[in-house]
Amino acid sequence: KQWYQRRVAITAGIRNQCVEPLAQFLDYMTYGYMIDNIILLITGTLRNRPIAELLPRCHPLGRFDELATISIATSPAELFNAVMVDTPLAPFFSECVQDENDLDEMNIEILRNKLYKAYFEDFYGFCESLGGTTADVMCPILAFEADRRAITITINSFRTDLLKDDIENLYPKCGKLFPEGLKFLKNAEDREEVRRICERFGAYKDLYTGVGDGPNDKTLEDKFFEEEVKMLALSFEQQFHFGVFYAFVKLKEQENRNIVWIAECIAQKNKNKIDNYIPIF
């Protein structure tokens, strides 16, 4: 908790000293956390849990001034109207959901993916419009994030009732897999087929190297984190761009995951795996 509070204080301090367009860039960085917070509140409301009980579980970087207004909602309909009017995510929500009747538990993950799709595409377009080194650094990072989300959506869609076209509509269309790779992904039937599709594209040819179910193998999630860390670390090789702020926040998150991993290995007396964290530099 103290670690999060310190990171939020640093990020807020930077944001308060900024002018446009960096201020807008830093706001974009928080929208992903806001999406997760709003989805958490919607899910809790659908399960008749008081929002006051859910607010402490919200990610601190995803808090915003209008959260106090949302906290008085007592039903999905009231929460829907509050989100549509009183939050920075209103433009994304207006694209993804038209009616509070769409807010049911079955569609909640679909809604999350639609919001992230709109968010990534908008953030990518914003970075592209900034041009210069910021675009050179941030566009590949966001393209990777978009492709990671598309691959994860595909894997999670196996053995569900989602139609192929519905799955494709959840893919952010700003990654390196767009458009051809996404068409292959939506028709994938199992993890092995996803692997073969990734290997067709140079950027992800080695993504599955070392991935397996053995005790010394890595998970696909680990490989994604490793690739992300490499790209974020490289952003510090460039000068005079906004990408370093994004990289700073994301690398701090990985640092926290590493600390949690080491602490859990010690607590479980499983020190053989203590070095399996993802080094940052």
Protein backbone atom coordinates (compact mmCIF):
# COMPACT_ATOMS: atom_id res chain seq x y z
CA LYS A 1 0.00 0.00 0.00
CA GLN A 2 2.80 2.43 0.89
CA TRP A 3 4.53 1.57 -2.37
CA TYR A 4 1.40 2.47 -4.35
CA GLN A 5 0.87 5.69 -2.39
CA ARG A 6 4.44 6.79 -3.07
CA ARG A 7 4.16 6.04 -6.79
CA VAL A 8 0.83 7.86 -7.04
CA ALA A 9 2.32 10.87 -5.24
CA ILE A 10 5.26 10.99 -7.67
CA THR A 11 2.98 10.65 -10.72
CA ALA A 12 0.55 13.28 -9.42
CA GLY A 13 3.43 15.65 -8.71
CA ILE A 14 4.69 15.31 -12.28
CA ARG A 15 1.16 15.78 -13.67
CA ASN A 16 0.57 18.94 -11.62
CA GLN A 17 3.68 20.57 -13.08
CA CYS A 18 2.82 19.80 -16.72
CA VAL A 19 1.31 21.79 -19.54
CA GLU A 20 -0.22 20.53 -22.76
CA PRO A 21 0.38 18.27 -24.62
CA LEU A 22 2.30 16.39 -21.89
CA ALA A 23 -0.62 16.86 -19.48
CA GLN A 24 -2.95 15.11 -21.90
CA PHE A 25 -0.38 12.36 -22.45
CA LEU A 26 -0.18 11.70 -18.71
CA ASP A 27 -3.98 11.66 -18.51
CA TYR A 28 -4.04 8.98 -21.21
CA MET A 29 -1.66 6.91 -19.10
CA THR A 30 -4.24 6.75 -16.31
CA TYR A 31 -7.23 5.78 -18.47
CA GLY A 32 -6.38 2.07 -18.43
CA TYR A 33 -6.50 2.05 -14.63
CA MET A 34 -9.77 4.01 -14.74
CA ILE A 35 -11.28 1.36 -17.01
CA ASP A 36 -10.36 -1.39 -14.55
CA ASN A 37 -11.78 0.65 -11.66
CA ILE A 38 -15.08 1.32 -13.43
CA ILE A 39 -15.42 -2.36 -14.39
CA LEU A 40 -14.74 -3.31 -10.76
CA LEU A 41 -17.50 -0.96 -9.58
CA ILE A 42 -19.97 -2.19 -12.21
CA THR A 43 -19.27 -5.84 -11.34
CA GLY A 44 -19.70 -5.14 -7.64
CA THR A 45 -22.95 -3.26 -8.21
CA LEU A 46 -24.34 -6.13 -10.28
CA ARG A 47 -23.58 -8.41 -7.32
CA ASN A 48 -25.34 -6.00 -4.93
CA ARG A 49 -22.16 -5.05 -3.13
CA PRO A 50 -21.99 -1.46 -1.77
CA ILE A 51 -19.68 0.78 -3.77
CA ALA A 52 -18.19 2.15 -0.55
CA GLU A 53 -16.83 -1.35 0.05
CA LEU A 54 -15.33 -1.51 -3.46
CA LEU A 55 -13.65 1.91 -3.56
CA PRO A 56 -10.63 0.89 -1.42
CA ARG A 57 -9.92 -1.85 -3.96
CA CYS A 58 -9.69 0.62 -6.85
CA HIS A 59 -6.25 1.22 -8.34
CA PRO A 60 -4.95 4.57 -7.01
CA LEU A 61 -3.68 5.68 -10.44
CA GLY A 62 -7.19 5.19 -11.80
CA ARG A 63 -8.88 7.48 -9.31
CA PHE A 64 -10.39 10.74 -10.57
CA ASP A 65 -12.34 13.65 -9.11
CA GLU A 66 -15.72 12.37 -10.33
CA LEU A 67 -15.29 9.06 -8.48
CA ALA A 68 -17.07 10.60 -5.50
CA THR A 69 -20.12 11.22 -7.68
CA ILE A 70 -20.11 7.65 -8.95
CA SER A 71 -19.88 6.31 -5.41
CA ILE A 72 -23.47 7.34 -4.65
CA ALA A 73 -24.87 5.08 -7.39
CA THR A 74 -26.91 2.18 -6.03
CA SER A 75 -27.85 0.34 -9.23
CA PRO A 76 -26.26 -0.51 -12.59
CA ALA A 77 -28.54 2.03 -14.30
CA GLU A 78 -27.43 4.85 -11.99
CA LEU A 79 -23.80 3.83 -12.36
CA PHE A 80 -24.16 3.78 -16.16
CA ASN A 81 -25.60 7.30 -16.21
CA ALA A 82 -22.88 8.57 -13.85
CA VAL A 83 -20.11 7.08 -15.98
CA MET A 84 -21.60 8.48 -19.19
CA VAL A 85 -21.74 12.01 -17.74
CA ASP A 86 -19.15 12.43 -15.01
CA THR A 87 -15.98 10.57 -16.03
CA PRO A 88 -13.10 11.09 -18.46
CA LEU A 89 -14.06 7.70 -19.96
CA ALA A 90 -17.41 8.95 -21.24
CA PRO A 91 -16.26 9.10 -24.90
CA PHE A 92 -15.08 5.48 -24.75
CA PHE A 93 -18.28 4.33 -23.06
CA SER A 94 -20.43 6.06 -25.65
CA GLU A 95 -18.67 4.03 -28.36
CA CYS A 96 -18.95 0.71 -26.53
CA VAL A 97 -22.31 0.62 -24.77
CA GLN A 98 -25.54 2.35 -25.68
CA ASP A 99 -27.89 1.25 -22.92
CA GLU A 100 -27.67 0.32 -19.25
CA ASN A 101 -29.38 -2.96 -20.11
CA ASP A 102 -26.09 -4.02 -21.71
CA LEU A 103 -24.45 -3.92 -18.28
CA ASP A 104 -24.91 -7.50 -17.16
CA GLU A 105 -22.35 -9.90 -15.76
CA MET A 106 -22.20 -11.95 -18.96
CA ASN A 107 -21.06 -8.96 -20.99
CA ILE A 108 -18.78 -7.34 -18.43
CA GLU A 109 -15.51 -8.75 -19.84
CA ILE A 110 -16.65 -7.96 -23.36
CA LEU A 111 -17.25 -4.38 -22.21
CA ARG A 112 -13.77 -4.24 -20.65
CA ASN A 113 -12.18 -5.38 -23.91
CA LYS A 114 -14.22 -2.91 -25.96
CA LEU A 115 -13.15 -0.07 -23.68
CA TYR A 116 -9.50 -1.08 -23.92
CA LYS A 117 -9.81 -1.33 -27.71
CA ALA A 118 -11.18 2.23 -27.91
CA TYR A 119 -8.55 3.43 -25.42
CA PHE A 120 -5.54 1.91 -27.19
CA GLU A 121 -6.66 3.14 -30.60
CA ASP A 122 -7.26 6.66 -29.27
CA PHE A 123 -3.96 6.76 -27.34
CA TYR A 124 -2.09 5.45 -30.39
CA GLY A 125 -3.68 8.15 -32.57
CA PHE A 126 -2.76 10.83 -30.03
CA CYS A 127 0.90 9.72 -29.91
CA GLU A 128 0.97 9.55 -33.69
CA SER A 129 -0.33 13.12 -33.88
CA LEU A 130 2.47 14.32 -31.56
CA GLY A 131 5.04 13.02 -34.05
CA GLY A 132 8.78 13.16 -33.51
CA THR A 133 10.57 10.92 -31.03
CA THR A 134 7.45 10.49 -28.90
CA ALA A 135 5.65 8.82 -31.79
CA ASP A 136 8.75 6.76 -32.66
CA VAL A 137 8.95 5.42 -29.10
CA MET A 138 5.30 5.18 -28.04
CA CYS A 139 3.64 3.83 -31.20
CA PRO A 140 5.62 0.54 -31.17
CA ILE A 141 4.97 0.14 -27.43
CA LEU A 142 1.22 0.67 -27.86
CA ALA A 143 1.21 -1.58 -30.94
CA PHE A 144 2.76 -4.32 -28.81
CA GLU A 145 0.16 -3.76 -26.07
CA ALA A 146 -2.61 -3.98 -28.67
CA ASP A 147 -1.25 -7.24 -30.08
CA ARG A 148 -0.77 -8.70 -26.59
CA ARG A 149 -4.42 -7.95 -25.89
CA ALA A 150 -5.53 -9.51 -29.19
CA ILE A 151 -3.57 -12.71 -28.50
CA THR A 152 -4.90 -12.90 -24.93
CA ILE A 153 -8.50 -12.34 -26.08
CA THR A 154 -8.11 -15.13 -28.63
CA ILE A 155 -6.80 -17.62 -26.06
CA ASN A 156 -9.49 -16.68 -23.53
CA SER A 157 -12.23 -17.06 -26.16
CA PHE A 158 -11.61 -20.78 -26.62
CA ARG A 159 -14.57 -22.89 -25.43
CA THR A 160 -16.86 -19.86 -25.25
CA ASP A 161 -19.95 -19.03 -27.28
CA LEU A 162 -18.43 -15.91 -28.83
CA LEU A 163 -18.81 -15.70 -32.60
CA LYS A 164 -15.68 -15.19 -34.70
CA ASP A 165 -16.80 -11.74 -35.85
CA ASP A 166 -17.55 -10.73 -32.25
CA ILE A 167 -14.04 -11.76 -31.24
CA GLU A 168 -12.52 -9.74 -34.08
CA ASN A 169 -14.49 -6.67 -32.96
CA LEU A 170 -12.67 -6.81 -29.60
CA TYR A 171 -9.19 -6.59 -31.16
CA PRO A 172 -7.44 -3.19 -31.02
CA LYS A 173 -6.61 -2.29 -34.61
CA CYS A 174 -3.35 -0.46 -34.04
CA GLY A 175 -0.90 -3.33 -33.60
CA LYS A 176 1.56 -5.03 -35.90
CA LEU A 177 -0.85 -7.94 -36.39
CA PHE A 178 -3.42 -5.64 -37.99
CA PRO A 179 -5.00 -6.44 -40.39
CA GLU A 180 -3.85 -9.85 -41.65
CA GLY A 181 -2.77 -11.33 -38.31
CA LEU A 182 -6.05 -10.44 -36.62
CA LYS A 183 -8.00 -12.28 -39.31
CA PHE A 184 -5.90 -15.37 -38.68
CA LEU A 185 -6.30 -15.02 -34.91
CA LYS A 186 -10.09 -14.82 -34.94
CA ASN A 187 -10.24 -18.19 -36.71
CA ALA A 188 -7.73 -19.90 -34.39
CA GLU A 189 -9.11 -23.01 -32.68
CA ASP A 190 -6.41 -23.75 -30.09
CA ARG A 191 -3.22 -22.44 -28.48
CA GLU A 192 -0.98 -24.26 -30.94
CA GLU A 193 -2.63 -22.46 -33.85
CA VAL A 194 -2.12 -19.13 -32.08
CA ARG A 195 1.54 -20.06 -31.73
CA ARG A 196 1.86 -20.78 -35.45
CA ILE A 197 0.18 -17.48 -36.31
CA CYS A 198 2.58 -15.52 -34.09
CA GLU A 199 5.57 -17.26 -35.66
CA ARG A 200 4.52 -15.99 -39.10
CA PHE A 201 5.22 -12.42 -38.01
CA GLY A 202 8.79 -11.32 -37.47
CA ALA A 203 7.99 -9.21 -34.41
CA TYR A 204 6.62 -12.24 -32.55
CA LYS A 205 8.61 -15.05 -34.13
CA ASP A 206 10.46 -15.79 -30.87
CA LEU A 207 7.55 -15.04 -28.54
CA TYR A 208 6.90 -18.70 -27.76
CA THR A 209 10.57 -19.67 -27.35
CA GLY A 210 10.93 -21.29 -23.93
CA VAL A 211 7.17 -21.33 -23.29
CA GLY A 212 5.83 -24.60 -21.93
CA ASP A 213 4.33 -26.47 -19.01
CA GLY A 214 7.59 -27.82 -17.58
CA PRO A 215 8.98 -26.74 -14.19
CA ASN A 216 11.70 -24.64 -15.83
CA ASP A 217 9.56 -23.33 -18.70
CA LYS A 218 8.14 -19.85 -18.90
CA THR A 219 4.52 -18.85 -19.35
CA LEU A 220 3.32 -16.77 -22.27
CA GLU A 221 2.54 -14.00 -19.78
CA ASP A 222 6.19 -14.04 -18.62
CA LYS A 223 7.36 -13.67 -22.22
CA PHE A 224 5.02 -10.73 -22.74
CA PHE A 225 6.38 -9.04 -19.63
CA GLU A 226 9.98 -9.66 -20.74
CA GLU A 227 9.34 -8.12 -24.16
CA GLU A 228 7.52 -5.18 -22.59
CA VAL A 229 10.42 -4.49 -20.22
CA LYS A 230 12.90 -4.53 -23.11
CA MET A 231 10.87 -1.97 -25.07
CA LEU A 232 10.33 0.25 -22.04
CA ALA A 233 14.02 0.18 -21.10
CA LEU A 234 15.01 1.13 -24.64
CA SER A 235 12.84 4.25 -24.44
CA PHE A 236 15.44 5.76 -22.10
CA GLU A 237 18.01 5.58 -24.91
CA GLN A 238 16.15 8.42 -26.68
CA GLN A 239 15.93 12.04 -25.57
CA PHE A 240 13.27 14.75 -25.42
CA HIS A 241 10.13 12.64 -25.68
CA PHE A 242 7.13 11.72 -23.52
CA GLY A 243 7.66 7.97 -23.64
CA VAL A 244 9.97 8.03 -20.61
CA PHE A 245 7.05 8.97 -18.37
CA TYR A 246 5.05 5.97 -19.59
CA ALA A 247 8.08 3.72 -19.25
CA PHE A 248 8.78 4.95 -15.72
CA VAL A 249 5.28 4.05 -14.49
CA LYS A 250 5.20 0.66 -16.23
CA LEU A 251 8.69 -0.35 -15.07
CA LYS A 252 7.73 0.58 -11.52
CA GLU A 253 4.82 -1.83 -11.86
CA GLN A 254 7.18 -4.59 -12.96
CA GLU A 255 9.45 -3.76 -10.04
CA ASN A 256 6.47 -4.27 -7.73
CA ARG A 257 5.64 -7.62 -9.36
CA ASN A 258 9.25 -8.69 -8.83
CA ILE A 259 9.13 -7.75 -5.14
CA VAL A 260 5.85 -9.64 -4.67
CA TRP A 261 7.31 -12.70 -6.44
CA ILE A 262 10.43 -12.73 -4.25
CA ALA A 263 8.34 -12.22 -1.09
CA GLU A 264 5.99 -15.09 -2.01
CA CYS A 265 8.92 -17.42 -2.74
CA ILE A 266 10.36 -16.65 0.68
CA ALA A 267 6.99 -17.06 2.42
CA GLN A 268 6.41 -20.42 0.70
CA LYS A 269 9.99 -21.55 1.35
CA ASN A 270 10.47 -22.07 -2.38
CA LYS A 271 13.79 -20.31 -2.84
CA ASN A 272 14.71 -22.41 -5.87
CA LYS A 273 12.46 -20.17 -7.97
CA ILE A 274 13.34 -16.90 -6.32
CA ASP A 275 15.49 -15.83 -9.30
CA ASN A 276 12.64 -16.31 -11.79
CA TYR A 277 11.65 -12.67 -11.65
CA ILE A 278 11.95 -10.43 -14.70
CA PRO A 279 15.03 -8.17 -14.47
CA ILE A 280 14.45 -4.58 -15.51
CA PHE A 281 17.95 -3.32 -16.35
